[in-house]
Amino acid sequence: MLSRNGYVARRKEPFRKRHGNFTIYALTRTSAAVLAELGCSGENMRVGLPATFFVRHELYVTAVLHRIHRDISEAHGKYSFTDSNVQKQNRKKGARAPVPDLSVSLQVGRESIDLNIEVDLGKVLIKKMVRRIAEQAGRKLLLMMCNSETRLRNLLKACPVNSFPWQVNVVFGLLDDFFKDGLHTRFDMISGETARLRIDAD
């Protein structure tokens, strides 16, 4: 019914599952406008179906958001996010600087943190990804979420410690670990140390 009336977009993808094709769904601009009238922030919505080439990546980004929602809800906190599409619309005309997949603000009790998240499925060349990391880092803490241990280690090796004065603002973790441990995931730093986010209700 929502789809017939233009509130939800859907598309069958070539992926197969046990009982037929894989179907993805997304809010439309119509439904986003209605939700905005009800008081929902437009920046906290992901609107429109992704291009076929980016479907897998976008599903991972959505899964990261679901895990954040679960953790923050359990801690009785609040969060807000802006995804890459909204960030691109908001940047200055002609700007080409890369934007993260998600810009997230978390708050639990008196603790709060702003961070950027980049979901890396290994499709971008290492050198290009290192440049992207360098251009994003320094503004906020950047969480690099990699889909494999090999990719994570290769990125760490490619980030020269002495040339990255902002290295403390970038941490690397595995997507599978994040889906399991959420905001308590252990992250690796360029320096070789490990780090964890700390947002507790206590």
N, C-alpha and C. Protein backbone atom coordinates (compact mmCIF):
# COMPACT_ATOMS: atom_id res chain seq x y z
N MET A 1 0.83 -1.20 0.00
CA MET A 1 0.00 0.00 0.00
C MET A 1 0.88 1.26 0.00
N LEU A 2 1.92 1.27 0.84
CA LEU A 2 2.83 2.42 0.89
C LEU A 2 3.52 2.61 -0.46
N SER A 3 3.89 1.50 -1.08
CA SER A 3 4.56 1.57 -2.37
C SER A 3 3.61 2.09 -3.45
N ARG A 4 2.38 1.59 -3.46
CA ARG A 4 1.41 2.02 -4.47
C ARG A 4 1.11 3.50 -4.37
N ASN A 5 1.19 4.05 -3.19
CA ASN A 5 0.86 5.46 -2.99
C ASN A 5 2.08 6.38 -2.99
N GLY A 6 3.23 5.84 -3.35
CA GLY A 6 4.40 6.67 -3.55
C GLY A 6 5.20 7.02 -2.30
N TYR A 7 4.96 6.28 -1.20
CA TYR A 7 5.68 6.58 0.04
C TYR A 7 6.93 5.71 0.22
N VAL A 8 6.95 4.57 -0.43
CA VAL A 8 8.10 3.67 -0.34
C VAL A 8 8.49 3.23 -1.75
N ALA A 9 9.78 3.33 -2.05
CA ALA A 9 10.29 2.83 -3.33
C ALA A 9 10.86 1.44 -3.11
N ARG A 10 10.75 0.58 -4.10
CA ARG A 10 11.31 -0.77 -3.96
C ARG A 10 11.84 -1.25 -5.30
N ARG A 11 12.78 -2.18 -5.23
CA ARG A 11 13.39 -2.70 -6.45
C ARG A 11 13.94 -4.09 -6.19
N LYS A 12 13.70 -5.00 -7.10
CA LYS A 12 14.27 -6.34 -7.00
C LYS A 12 15.72 -6.29 -7.48
N GLU A 13 16.58 -6.96 -6.73
CA GLU A 13 17.99 -7.01 -7.08
C GLU A 13 18.34 -8.41 -7.58
N PRO A 14 19.44 -8.55 -8.33
CA PRO A 14 19.81 -9.86 -8.89
C PRO A 14 20.27 -10.87 -7.85
N PHE A 15 20.49 -10.42 -6.60
CA PHE A 15 20.86 -11.38 -5.56
C PHE A 15 19.74 -12.39 -5.38
N ARG A 16 20.13 -13.60 -5.03
CA ARG A 16 19.13 -14.64 -4.80
C ARG A 16 19.07 -15.00 -3.33
N LYS A 17 17.89 -15.32 -2.87
CA LYS A 17 17.73 -15.87 -1.54
C LYS A 17 16.88 -17.13 -1.66
N ARG A 18 16.61 -17.78 -0.56
CA ARG A 18 15.95 -19.09 -0.61
C ARG A 18 14.62 -19.06 -1.37
N HIS A 19 13.83 -18.02 -1.14
CA HIS A 19 12.50 -17.96 -1.76
C HIS A 19 12.39 -16.75 -2.68
N GLY A 20 13.17 -16.72 -3.74
CA GLY A 20 13.04 -15.64 -4.72
C GLY A 20 14.13 -14.61 -4.65
N ASN A 21 13.85 -13.46 -5.27
CA ASN A 21 14.84 -12.39 -5.37
C ASN A 21 14.93 -11.57 -4.09
N PHE A 22 16.02 -10.82 -4.01
CA PHE A 22 16.25 -9.92 -2.89
C PHE A 22 15.64 -8.57 -3.25
N THR A 23 14.76 -8.05 -2.44
CA THR A 23 14.11 -6.76 -2.70
C THR A 23 14.59 -5.73 -1.70
N ILE A 24 14.94 -4.54 -2.19
CA ILE A 24 15.33 -3.46 -1.29
C ILE A 24 14.24 -2.39 -1.29
N TYR A 25 14.14 -1.68 -0.19
CA TYR A 25 13.11 -0.66 0.00
C TYR A 25 13.76 0.63 0.47
N ALA A 26 13.13 1.76 0.18
CA ALA A 26 13.65 3.04 0.65
C ALA A 26 12.51 4.04 0.76
N LEU A 27 12.70 5.03 1.62
CA LEU A 27 11.76 6.13 1.69
C LEU A 27 11.83 6.94 0.39
N THR A 28 10.72 7.56 0.02
CA THR A 28 10.71 8.48 -1.12
C THR A 28 10.70 9.91 -0.58
N ARG A 29 10.86 10.88 -1.46
CA ARG A 29 10.81 12.28 -1.03
C ARG A 29 9.43 12.63 -0.48
N THR A 30 8.40 11.97 -1.00
CA THR A 30 7.04 12.20 -0.49
C THR A 30 6.93 11.79 0.96
N SER A 31 7.39 10.60 1.28
CA SER A 31 7.30 10.13 2.66
C SER A 31 8.23 10.95 3.57
N ALA A 32 9.39 11.37 3.05
CA ALA A 32 10.30 12.19 3.84
C ALA A 32 9.64 13.53 4.20
N ALA A 33 8.90 14.10 3.25
CA ALA A 33 8.22 15.37 3.50
C ALA A 33 7.16 15.21 4.59
N VAL A 34 6.43 14.08 4.54
CA VAL A 34 5.40 13.82 5.55
C VAL A 34 6.05 13.65 6.92
N LEU A 35 7.13 12.89 6.98
CA LEU A 35 7.83 12.68 8.25
C LEU A 35 8.40 13.99 8.80
N ALA A 36 8.87 14.86 7.89
CA ALA A 36 9.39 16.16 8.33
C ALA A 36 8.27 17.00 8.95
N GLU A 37 7.08 16.94 8.38
CA GLU A 37 5.93 17.66 8.94
C GLU A 37 5.57 17.14 10.32
N LEU A 38 5.88 15.86 10.57
CA LEU A 38 5.58 15.26 11.88
C LEU A 38 6.69 15.51 12.90
N GLY A 39 7.74 16.25 12.47
CA GLY A 39 8.79 16.62 13.40
C GLY A 39 10.08 15.84 13.26
N CYS A 40 10.16 14.91 12.32
CA CYS A 40 11.41 14.16 12.11
C CYS A 40 12.40 15.02 11.32
N SER A 41 13.67 14.98 11.72
CA SER A 41 14.68 15.76 11.03
C SER A 41 14.96 15.18 9.65
N GLY A 42 14.93 16.04 8.65
CA GLY A 42 15.21 15.59 7.29
C GLY A 42 16.62 15.04 7.13
N GLU A 43 17.56 15.54 7.94
CA GLU A 43 18.93 15.07 7.85
C GLU A 43 19.09 13.67 8.43
N ASN A 44 18.11 13.24 9.21
CA ASN A 44 18.17 11.90 9.81
C ASN A 44 17.38 10.88 9.01
N MET A 45 17.28 11.11 7.71
CA MET A 45 16.59 10.16 6.83
C MET A 45 17.50 9.79 5.68
N ARG A 46 17.38 8.56 5.24
CA ARG A 46 18.09 8.11 4.05
C ARG A 46 17.03 7.89 2.98
N VAL A 47 17.02 8.76 1.98
CA VAL A 47 15.93 8.79 1.00
C VAL A 47 16.40 8.28 -0.36
N GLY A 48 15.57 7.47 -1.00
CA GLY A 48 15.83 7.02 -2.36
C GLY A 48 16.63 5.73 -2.44
N LEU A 49 16.40 5.00 -3.50
CA LEU A 49 17.11 3.74 -3.73
C LEU A 49 18.52 4.02 -4.27
N PRO A 50 19.51 3.28 -3.80
CA PRO A 50 20.88 3.49 -4.30
C PRO A 50 21.03 2.92 -5.70
N ALA A 51 22.02 3.44 -6.43
CA ALA A 51 22.36 2.86 -7.73
C ALA A 51 22.75 1.40 -7.53
N THR A 52 22.48 0.57 -8.50
CA THR A 52 22.72 -0.87 -8.38
C THR A 52 24.16 -1.18 -7.95
N PHE A 53 25.12 -0.43 -8.48
CA PHE A 53 26.53 -0.67 -8.16
C PHE A 53 26.82 -0.48 -6.67
N PHE A 54 26.03 0.40 -6.00
CA PHE A 54 26.30 0.74 -4.61
C PHE A 54 25.37 0.03 -3.61
N VAL A 55 24.54 -0.87 -4.08
CA VAL A 55 23.55 -1.50 -3.20
C VAL A 55 24.22 -2.18 -2.01
N ARG A 56 25.23 -3.00 -2.27
CA ARG A 56 25.88 -3.74 -1.17
C ARG A 56 26.47 -2.77 -0.15
N HIS A 57 27.13 -1.74 -0.65
CA HIS A 57 27.72 -0.74 0.25
C HIS A 57 26.65 -0.06 1.08
N GLU A 58 25.56 0.34 0.47
CA GLU A 58 24.51 1.05 1.19
C GLU A 58 23.82 0.16 2.23
N LEU A 59 23.71 -1.13 1.93
CA LEU A 59 23.14 -2.05 2.92
C LEU A 59 24.04 -2.16 4.15
N TYR A 60 25.35 -2.14 3.92
CA TYR A 60 26.29 -2.16 5.05
C TYR A 60 26.19 -0.88 5.87
N VAL A 61 26.08 0.27 5.20
CA VAL A 61 25.94 1.54 5.91
C VAL A 61 24.67 1.52 6.76
N THR A 62 23.59 1.01 6.20
CA THR A 62 22.34 0.91 6.94
C THR A 62 22.49 -0.02 8.14
N ALA A 63 23.21 -1.13 7.96
CA ALA A 63 23.42 -2.07 9.06
C ALA A 63 24.23 -1.43 10.18
N VAL A 64 25.21 -0.59 9.83
CA VAL A 64 25.98 0.14 10.85
C VAL A 64 25.06 1.06 11.64
N LEU A 65 24.17 1.74 10.95
CA LEU A 65 23.20 2.62 11.63
C LEU A 65 22.31 1.84 12.57
N HIS A 66 21.85 0.67 12.12
CA HIS A 66 20.99 -0.17 12.97
C HIS A 66 21.72 -0.56 14.26
N ARG A 67 23.01 -0.88 14.14
CA ARG A 67 23.76 -1.27 15.33
C ARG A 67 23.94 -0.08 16.28
N ILE A 68 24.19 1.10 15.73
CA ILE A 68 24.30 2.30 16.55
C ILE A 68 22.97 2.57 17.26
N HIS A 69 21.88 2.45 16.52
CA HIS A 69 20.55 2.67 17.10
C HIS A 69 20.30 1.72 18.28
N ARG A 70 20.66 0.48 18.07
CA ARG A 70 20.46 -0.53 19.13
C ARG A 70 21.27 -0.19 20.38
N ASP A 71 22.56 0.13 20.19
CA ASP A 71 23.42 0.42 21.34
C ASP A 71 22.98 1.67 22.09
N ILE A 72 22.68 2.73 21.35
CA ILE A 72 22.28 3.98 22.00
C ILE A 72 20.93 3.84 22.67
N SER A 73 20.02 3.10 22.06
CA SER A 73 18.71 2.88 22.68
C SER A 73 18.85 2.11 23.99
N GLU A 74 19.70 1.08 24.00
CA GLU A 74 19.90 0.29 25.22
C GLU A 74 20.53 1.14 26.32
N ALA A 75 21.32 2.14 25.93
CA ALA A 75 21.96 3.02 26.92
C ALA A 75 21.09 4.22 27.26
N HIS A 76 19.87 4.26 26.70
CA HIS A 76 18.92 5.37 26.93
C HIS A 76 19.54 6.71 26.51
N GLY A 77 20.26 6.68 25.40
CA GLY A 77 20.87 7.89 24.88
C GLY A 77 20.17 8.41 23.65
N LYS A 78 20.82 9.34 22.97
CA LYS A 78 20.27 9.93 21.75
C LYS A 78 21.36 9.95 20.68
N TYR A 79 20.92 9.93 19.44
CA TYR A 79 21.88 10.06 18.35
C TYR A 79 21.22 10.74 17.16
N SER A 80 22.02 11.34 16.32
CA SER A 80 21.54 11.89 15.06
C SER A 80 22.61 11.62 14.02
N PHE A 81 22.23 11.62 12.77
CA PHE A 81 23.20 11.34 11.71
C PHE A 81 22.86 12.11 10.45
N THR A 82 23.86 12.29 9.62
CA THR A 82 23.69 12.86 8.29
C THR A 82 24.44 11.96 7.33
N ASP A 83 23.75 11.46 6.31
CA ASP A 83 24.45 10.55 5.40
C ASP A 83 25.13 11.33 4.27
N SER A 84 25.85 10.62 3.43
CA SER A 84 26.70 11.27 2.43
C SER A 84 25.90 12.09 1.43
N ASN A 85 24.71 11.63 1.04
CA ASN A 85 23.91 12.37 0.07
C ASN A 85 23.54 13.76 0.58
N VAL A 86 23.12 13.83 1.84
CA VAL A 86 22.76 15.12 2.43
C VAL A 86 24.00 16.00 2.58
N GLN A 87 25.12 15.40 2.98
CA GLN A 87 26.35 16.17 3.12
C GLN A 87 26.80 16.76 1.79
N LYS A 88 26.65 16.01 0.71
CA LYS A 88 27.02 16.51 -0.61
C LYS A 88 26.13 17.67 -1.03
N GLN A 89 24.85 17.59 -0.69
CA GLN A 89 23.92 18.68 -1.02
C GLN A 89 24.24 19.94 -0.23
N ASN A 90 24.76 19.77 0.98
CA ASN A 90 25.01 20.92 1.86
C ASN A 90 26.37 21.59 1.66
N ARG A 91 27.30 20.92 0.96
CA ARG A 91 28.63 21.52 0.82
C ARG A 91 28.60 22.63 -0.23
N LYS A 92 29.61 23.46 -0.20
CA LYS A 92 29.66 24.62 -1.09
C LYS A 92 29.68 24.20 -2.54
N LYS A 93 29.09 25.03 -3.38
CA LYS A 93 29.03 24.74 -4.80
C LYS A 93 30.44 24.59 -5.38
N GLY A 94 30.65 23.52 -6.11
CA GLY A 94 31.95 23.27 -6.73
C GLY A 94 32.93 22.51 -5.85
N ALA A 95 32.57 22.33 -4.57
CA ALA A 95 33.47 21.61 -3.65
C ALA A 95 33.56 20.15 -4.06
N ARG A 96 34.77 19.61 -3.99
CA ARG A 96 34.98 18.22 -4.40
C ARG A 96 35.57 17.37 -3.26
N ALA A 97 35.74 17.97 -2.10
CA ALA A 97 36.32 17.22 -0.98
C ALA A 97 35.41 16.04 -0.64
N PRO A 98 35.99 14.86 -0.35
CA PRO A 98 35.17 13.69 -0.03
C PRO A 98 34.40 13.88 1.27
N VAL A 99 33.26 13.26 1.32
CA VAL A 99 32.46 13.29 2.55
C VAL A 99 32.33 11.87 3.06
N PRO A 100 32.21 11.68 4.38
CA PRO A 100 32.08 10.31 4.92
C PRO A 100 30.71 9.72 4.60
N ASP A 101 30.61 8.42 4.74
CA ASP A 101 29.32 7.76 4.52
C ASP A 101 28.29 8.23 5.55
N LEU A 102 28.75 8.45 6.77
CA LEU A 102 27.87 8.92 7.84
C LEU A 102 28.62 9.90 8.73
N SER A 103 27.93 10.96 9.13
CA SER A 103 28.42 11.85 10.17
C SER A 103 27.44 11.69 11.33
N VAL A 104 27.94 11.26 12.49
CA VAL A 104 27.07 10.83 13.58
C VAL A 104 27.38 11.59 14.87
N SER A 105 26.35 11.98 15.59
CA SER A 105 26.49 12.57 16.92
C SER A 105 25.83 11.63 17.92
N LEU A 106 26.58 11.25 18.95
CA LEU A 106 26.08 10.33 19.98
C LEU A 106 26.06 11.03 21.33
N GLN A 107 25.02 10.77 22.11
CA GLN A 107 24.96 11.33 23.45
C GLN A 107 24.32 10.33 24.41
N VAL A 108 25.03 10.04 25.50
CA VAL A 108 24.52 9.19 26.57
C VAL A 108 24.81 9.91 27.88
N GLY A 109 23.77 10.32 28.57
CA GLY A 109 23.97 11.09 29.80
C GLY A 109 24.71 12.37 29.50
N ARG A 110 25.81 12.61 30.21
CA ARG A 110 26.61 13.82 29.98
C ARG A 110 27.73 13.59 28.97
N GLU A 111 27.88 12.36 28.51
CA GLU A 111 28.92 12.03 27.54
C GLU A 111 28.40 12.23 26.12
N SER A 112 29.20 12.84 25.26
CA SER A 112 28.80 13.01 23.87
C SER A 112 30.04 12.94 22.98
N ILE A 113 29.82 12.57 21.75
CA ILE A 113 30.93 12.49 20.79
C ILE A 113 30.38 12.67 19.38
N ASP A 114 31.13 13.37 18.55
CA ASP A 114 30.82 13.52 17.13
C ASP A 114 31.86 12.74 16.35
N LEU A 115 31.41 11.96 15.38
CA LEU A 115 32.35 11.16 14.60
C LEU A 115 31.87 10.97 13.18
N ASN A 116 32.81 10.64 12.31
CA ASN A 116 32.50 10.28 10.94
C ASN A 116 32.76 8.80 10.75
N ILE A 117 32.00 8.19 9.87
CA ILE A 117 32.15 6.75 9.60
C ILE A 117 32.29 6.53 8.11
N GLU A 118 33.29 5.74 7.75
CA GLU A 118 33.52 5.36 6.36
C GLU A 118 33.45 3.83 6.28
N VAL A 119 32.54 3.31 5.47
CA VAL A 119 32.41 1.88 5.26
C VAL A 119 33.22 1.50 4.01
N ASP A 120 34.22 0.65 4.21
CA ASP A 120 35.15 0.31 3.14
C ASP A 120 35.04 -1.16 2.78
N LEU A 121 34.53 -1.43 1.59
CA LEU A 121 34.37 -2.81 1.12
C LEU A 121 35.50 -3.24 0.19
N GLY A 122 36.58 -2.48 0.19
CA GLY A 122 37.76 -2.87 -0.59
C GLY A 122 37.66 -2.59 -2.07
N LYS A 123 36.72 -1.77 -2.51
CA LYS A 123 36.55 -1.49 -3.93
C LYS A 123 37.43 -0.34 -4.42
N VAL A 124 37.92 0.48 -3.48
CA VAL A 124 38.74 1.65 -3.84
C VAL A 124 40.21 1.30 -3.68
N LEU A 125 41.04 1.73 -4.63
CA LEU A 125 42.48 1.47 -4.55
C LEU A 125 43.04 2.02 -3.24
N ILE A 126 44.02 1.31 -2.68
CA ILE A 126 44.59 1.69 -1.39
C ILE A 126 45.08 3.14 -1.39
N LYS A 127 45.84 3.55 -2.39
CA LYS A 127 46.38 4.91 -2.43
C LYS A 127 45.26 5.95 -2.44
N LYS A 128 44.21 5.67 -3.20
CA LYS A 128 43.09 6.61 -3.27
C LYS A 128 42.37 6.67 -1.93
N MET A 129 42.22 5.53 -1.27
CA MET A 129 41.54 5.50 0.02
C MET A 129 42.36 6.24 1.07
N VAL A 130 43.68 6.10 1.04
CA VAL A 130 44.54 6.82 1.98
C VAL A 130 44.38 8.32 1.79
N ARG A 131 44.31 8.78 0.54
CA ARG A 131 44.08 10.21 0.29
C ARG A 131 42.74 10.65 0.85
N ARG A 132 41.73 9.80 0.66
CA ARG A 132 40.40 10.12 1.18
C ARG A 132 40.41 10.22 2.70
N ILE A 133 41.11 9.29 3.34
CA ILE A 133 41.23 9.32 4.80
C ILE A 133 41.91 10.62 5.24
N ALA A 134 43.01 10.99 4.55
CA ALA A 134 43.76 12.19 4.92
C ALA A 134 42.91 13.44 4.78
N GLU A 135 42.07 13.49 3.76
CA GLU A 135 41.24 14.67 3.53
C GLU A 135 40.09 14.77 4.52
N GLN A 136 39.66 13.63 5.07
CA GLN A 136 38.56 13.65 6.02
C GLN A 136 39.02 13.80 7.46
N ALA A 137 40.17 13.25 7.77
CA ALA A 137 40.63 13.20 9.15
C ALA A 137 40.98 14.59 9.66
N GLY A 138 40.93 14.73 10.96
CA GLY A 138 41.25 16.01 11.56
C GLY A 138 40.03 16.82 11.90
N ARG A 139 38.94 16.62 11.13
CA ARG A 139 37.70 17.34 11.42
C ARG A 139 37.00 16.73 12.63
N LYS A 140 36.85 15.42 12.58
CA LYS A 140 36.22 14.65 13.66
C LYS A 140 36.94 13.31 13.74
N LEU A 141 36.65 12.56 14.78
CA LEU A 141 37.14 11.19 14.84
C LEU A 141 36.57 10.44 13.64
N LEU A 142 37.43 9.73 12.92
CA LEU A 142 37.00 8.97 11.74
C LEU A 142 37.11 7.48 12.03
N LEU A 143 35.98 6.77 11.94
CA LEU A 143 35.98 5.32 12.08
C LEU A 143 36.01 4.71 10.69
N MET A 144 37.09 3.99 10.39
CA MET A 144 37.19 3.27 9.13
C MET A 144 36.72 1.85 9.37
N MET A 145 35.62 1.46 8.76
CA MET A 145 35.04 0.13 8.93
C MET A 145 35.40 -0.73 7.71
N CYS A 146 36.28 -1.68 7.88
CA CYS A 146 36.76 -2.51 6.77
C CYS A 146 36.04 -3.86 6.74
N ASN A 147 35.97 -4.44 5.54
CA ASN A 147 35.24 -5.72 5.41
C ASN A 147 36.14 -6.93 5.56
N SER A 148 37.47 -6.71 5.71
CA SER A 148 38.35 -7.86 5.90
C SER A 148 39.59 -7.44 6.69
N GLU A 149 40.18 -8.40 7.38
CA GLU A 149 41.40 -8.15 8.14
C GLU A 149 42.54 -7.75 7.21
N THR A 150 42.61 -8.38 6.03
CA THR A 150 43.66 -8.06 5.06
C THR A 150 43.56 -6.61 4.61
N ARG A 151 42.36 -6.17 4.29
CA ARG A 151 42.15 -4.79 3.87
C ARG A 151 42.54 -3.82 4.99
N LEU A 152 42.15 -4.13 6.21
CA LEU A 152 42.46 -3.28 7.36
C LEU A 152 43.98 -3.14 7.51
N ARG A 153 44.69 -4.28 7.47
CA ARG A 153 46.15 -4.25 7.64
C ARG A 153 46.84 -3.50 6.50
N ASN A 154 46.34 -3.67 5.28
CA ASN A 154 46.94 -2.98 4.14
C ASN A 154 46.76 -1.46 4.26
N LEU A 155 45.60 -1.03 4.74
CA LEU A 155 45.37 0.40 4.92
C LEU A 155 46.27 0.96 6.02
N LEU A 156 46.39 0.21 7.11
CA LEU A 156 47.26 0.66 8.20
C LEU A 156 48.70 0.82 7.73
N LYS A 157 49.19 -0.14 6.94
CA LYS A 157 50.56 -0.07 6.43
C LYS A 157 50.74 1.11 5.48
N ALA A 158 49.68 1.45 4.75
CA ALA A 158 49.77 2.51 3.74
C ALA A 158 49.67 3.91 4.34
N CYS A 159 49.30 4.01 5.60
CA CYS A 159 49.18 5.31 6.27
C CYS A 159 50.49 5.60 7.00
N PRO A 160 51.36 6.42 6.42
CA PRO A 160 52.66 6.69 7.05
C PRO A 160 52.50 7.48 8.35
N VAL A 161 53.00 6.93 9.42
CA VAL A 161 52.82 7.52 10.75
C VAL A 161 53.33 8.95 10.81
N ASN A 162 54.56 9.17 10.35
CA ASN A 162 55.18 10.49 10.50
C ASN A 162 54.52 11.57 9.63
N SER A 163 53.84 11.16 8.58
CA SER A 163 53.23 12.13 7.68
C SER A 163 51.78 12.43 8.05
N PHE A 164 51.27 11.75 9.05
CA PHE A 164 49.88 11.93 9.42
C PHE A 164 49.81 12.57 10.81
N PRO A 165 49.93 13.90 10.91
CA PRO A 165 49.88 14.53 12.22
C PRO A 165 48.54 14.35 12.91
N TRP A 166 47.53 13.99 12.12
CA TRP A 166 46.17 13.82 12.66
C TRP A 166 45.86 12.36 12.96
N GLN A 167 46.89 11.51 13.01
CA GLN A 167 46.68 10.07 13.09
C GLN A 167 45.80 9.64 14.26
N VAL A 168 45.84 10.40 15.37
CA VAL A 168 45.04 10.00 16.53
C VAL A 168 43.56 10.15 16.27
N ASN A 169 43.19 10.83 15.18
CA ASN A 169 41.78 11.03 14.86
C ASN A 169 41.21 9.97 13.93
N VAL A 170 42.00 8.94 13.62
CA VAL A 170 41.55 7.87 12.73
C VAL A 170 41.74 6.52 13.40
N VAL A 171 40.69 5.70 13.41
CA VAL A 171 40.80 4.34 13.93
C VAL A 171 40.20 3.38 12.92
N PHE A 172 40.71 2.15 12.91
CA PHE A 172 40.30 1.15 11.93
C PHE A 172 39.69 -0.05 12.65
N GLY A 173 38.54 -0.52 12.15
CA GLY A 173 37.90 -1.69 12.73
C GLY A 173 37.26 -2.54 11.66
N LEU A 174 36.85 -3.74 12.05
CA LEU A 174 36.21 -4.66 11.12
C LEU A 174 34.69 -4.55 11.23
N LEU A 175 34.03 -4.58 10.08
CA LEU A 175 32.57 -4.51 10.07
C LEU A 175 31.95 -5.64 10.88
N ASP A 176 32.45 -6.86 10.71
CA ASP A 176 31.90 -8.00 11.44
C ASP A 176 32.02 -7.80 12.95
N ASP A 177 33.15 -7.23 13.39
CA ASP A 177 33.32 -6.96 14.82
C ASP A 177 32.32 -5.91 15.29
N PHE A 178 32.10 -4.89 14.46
CA PHE A 178 31.16 -3.83 14.84
C PHE A 178 29.74 -4.37 14.93
N PHE A 179 29.37 -5.25 14.00
CA PHE A 179 28.02 -5.81 14.05
C PHE A 179 27.84 -6.69 15.30
N LYS A 180 28.94 -7.25 15.79
CA LYS A 180 28.88 -8.09 16.98
C LYS A 180 28.98 -7.27 18.27
N ASP A 181 29.93 -6.34 18.32
CA ASP A 181 30.22 -5.60 19.56
C ASP A 181 29.74 -4.16 19.56
N GLY A 182 29.30 -3.65 18.41
CA GLY A 182 28.78 -2.30 18.35
C GLY A 182 29.78 -1.25 18.78
N LEU A 183 29.31 -0.29 19.57
CA LEU A 183 30.15 0.82 20.00
C LEU A 183 31.25 0.41 20.97
N HIS A 184 31.27 -0.86 21.36
CA HIS A 184 32.33 -1.36 22.24
C HIS A 184 33.43 -2.09 21.45
N THR A 185 33.36 -1.98 20.12
CA THR A 185 34.35 -2.63 19.26
C THR A 185 35.76 -2.11 19.53
N ARG A 186 36.74 -2.99 19.44
CA ARG A 186 38.13 -2.58 19.55
C ARG A 186 38.61 -2.09 18.18
N PHE A 187 39.20 -0.90 18.17
CA PHE A 187 39.71 -0.32 16.93
C PHE A 187 41.24 -0.23 16.98
N ASP A 188 41.86 -0.31 15.82
CA ASP A 188 43.31 -0.18 15.70
C ASP A 188 43.67 1.23 15.25
N MET A 189 44.73 1.79 15.85
CA MET A 189 45.21 3.12 15.47
C MET A 189 46.42 2.97 14.55
N ILE A 190 46.73 4.03 13.80
CA ILE A 190 47.87 4.01 12.91
C ILE A 190 49.16 3.78 13.69
N SER A 191 49.21 4.26 14.93
CA SER A 191 50.40 4.13 15.77
C SER A 191 50.67 2.70 16.21
N GLY A 192 49.69 1.80 16.01
CA GLY A 192 49.84 0.42 16.46
C GLY A 192 49.11 0.15 17.76
N GLU A 193 48.63 1.20 18.42
CA GLU A 193 47.86 1.02 19.65
C GLU A 193 46.42 0.65 19.32
N THR A 194 45.68 0.22 20.32
CA THR A 194 44.26 -0.07 20.15
C THR A 194 43.44 0.95 20.93
N ALA A 195 42.19 1.10 20.52
CA ALA A 195 41.32 2.08 21.18
C ALA A 195 39.89 1.57 21.16
N ARG A 196 39.11 2.05 22.10
CA ARG A 196 37.67 1.78 22.14
C ARG A 196 36.93 3.07 22.37
N LEU A 197 35.76 3.19 21.79
CA LEU A 197 34.90 4.33 22.09
C LEU A 197 34.43 4.19 23.53
N ARG A 198 34.27 5.31 24.20
CA ARG A 198 33.74 5.23 25.56
C ARG A 198 32.57 6.19 25.71
N ILE A 199 31.39 5.64 25.62
CA ILE A 199 30.18 6.41 25.90
C ILE A 199 29.36 5.55 26.82
N ASP A 200 29.38 5.85 28.10
CA ASP A 200 28.67 5.06 29.10
C ASP A 200 27.63 5.92 29.79
N ALA A 201 26.60 5.25 30.25
CA ALA A 201 25.55 5.95 30.98
C ALA A 201 26.01 6.33 32.38
N ASP A 202 27.05 5.64 32.91
CA ASP A 202 27.51 5.91 34.28
C ASP A 202 28.31 7.20 34.35
